[in-house]
């Protein structure tokens, strides 16, 4: 999968809200209760203030019949884009 070059990938919390919670008419509170985790964790993920951890990826995968890799890939792509340095390092020349 290639990272978009013209924009930062969508935060996984936005995907969670738009593609899962809203279509299922599921509240953040109901999801948190179902997953047996604090609602604050879901709220912060949806707000983009918190990332998806492997533990959360497993929980979301089970709840929504996705894979944990789906959630981790969303997070990794987002993290790589927002942490991209302004300067690139030159490759090492091997002789």
Protein backbone atom coordinates (compact mmCIF):
# COMPACT_ATOMS: atom_id res chain seq x y z
CA UNK A 1 0.00 0.00 0.00
CA UNK A 2 1.41 3.37 -0.95
CA UNK A 3 0.96 6.37 1.27
CA UNK A 4 -0.81 9.30 -0.32
CA UNK A 5 1.65 12.05 -1.16
CA UNK A 6 -0.80 14.92 -1.37
CA UNK A 7 -2.55 14.50 1.99
CA UNK A 8 -2.27 12.94 5.42
CA UNK A 9 -4.17 9.63 5.59
CA UNK A 10 -7.40 9.65 7.54
CA UNK A 11 -6.98 9.01 11.26
CA UNK A 12 -8.38 5.59 12.23
CA UNK A 13 -10.73 7.29 14.70
CA UNK A 14 -12.43 9.09 11.84
CA UNK A 15 -12.79 5.77 10.01
CA UNK A 16 -14.21 4.20 13.17
CA UNK A 17 -16.82 6.94 13.50
CA UNK A 18 -17.78 7.35 9.83
CA UNK A 19 -17.59 3.76 8.60
CA UNK A 20 -18.63 1.79 11.66
CA UNK A 21 -20.33 3.76 14.43
CA UNK A 22 -22.56 6.00 12.32
CA UNK A 23 -23.80 3.36 9.83
CA UNK A 24 -24.57 0.99 12.70
CA UNK A 25 -26.18 3.79 14.74
CA UNK A 26 -23.81 2.82 17.55
CA UNK A 27 -22.72 5.33 20.17
CA UNK A 28 -19.23 5.62 21.55
CA UNK A 29 -20.63 4.71 24.97
CA UNK A 30 -22.31 1.56 23.63
CA UNK A 31 -19.10 0.50 21.87
CA UNK A 32 -17.01 1.09 24.99
CA UNK A 33 -19.47 -0.93 27.08
CA UNK A 34 -19.47 -3.74 24.51
CA UNK A 35 -15.66 -3.82 24.49
CA UNK A 36 -15.50 -3.41 28.29
CA UNK A 37 -13.13 -0.45 28.03
CA UNK A 38 -13.40 3.15 29.25
CA UNK A 39 -15.52 5.37 27.02
CA UNK A 40 -12.71 7.93 27.24
CA UNK A 41 -10.52 5.63 25.13
CA UNK A 42 -13.09 5.47 22.33
CA UNK A 43 -13.79 9.20 22.59
CA UNK A 44 -10.08 10.07 22.27
CA UNK A 45 -9.63 7.69 19.33
CA UNK A 46 -12.61 9.20 17.50
CA UNK A 47 -11.30 12.72 18.20
CA UNK A 48 -7.89 11.78 16.80
CA UNK A 49 -6.21 12.42 20.15
CA UNK A 50 -5.27 8.78 20.67
CA UNK A 51 -4.05 6.06 18.38
CA UNK A 52 -5.09 2.47 17.91
CA UNK A 53 -2.94 0.13 19.99
CA UNK A 54 -2.56 -3.57 19.17
CA UNK A 55 -4.89 -4.40 22.09
CA UNK A 56 -7.55 -2.01 20.79
CA UNK A 57 -7.06 -3.33 17.25
CA UNK A 58 -7.90 -6.84 18.47
CA UNK A 59 -11.01 -5.58 20.26
CA UNK A 60 -12.25 -3.58 17.26
CA UNK A 61 -11.52 -6.49 14.93
CA UNK A 62 -13.66 -8.78 17.03
CA UNK A 63 -16.49 -6.28 17.35
CA UNK A 64 -16.68 -5.37 13.66
CA UNK A 65 -15.55 -8.62 11.98
CA UNK A 66 -12.45 -6.99 10.56
CA UNK A 67 -8.83 -7.94 11.12
CA UNK A 68 -6.52 -6.37 13.68
CA UNK A 69 -4.20 -5.66 10.74
CA UNK A 70 -6.88 -3.42 9.22
CA UNK A 71 -6.82 -1.16 12.28
CA UNK A 72 -3.05 -1.30 12.73
CA UNK A 73 -2.45 -0.48 9.05
CA UNK A 74 -4.70 2.58 9.33
CA UNK A 75 -2.75 3.71 12.39
CA UNK A 76 0.67 3.00 10.91
CA UNK A 77 -0.10 4.86 7.68
CA UNK A 78 -1.36 7.84 9.68
CA UNK A 79 1.64 7.82 12.03
CA UNK A 80 4.14 7.61 9.18
CA UNK A 81 2.53 10.53 7.37
CA UNK A 82 2.40 12.86 10.37
CA UNK A 83 5.94 12.03 11.46
CA UNK A 84 7.53 12.39 8.03
CA UNK A 85 10.64 14.56 8.34
CA UNK A 86 10.88 17.70 6.25
CA UNK A 87 14.27 16.61 4.97
CA UNK A 88 15.01 13.19 3.64
CA UNK A 89 18.17 11.33 4.47
CA UNK A 90 20.42 10.44 1.58
CA UNK A 91 20.89 6.73 1.01
CA UNK A 92 24.17 5.14 2.02
CA UNK A 93 26.36 4.45 -0.97
CA UNK A 94 27.54 0.88 -0.96
CA UNK A 95 30.67 0.19 -3.00
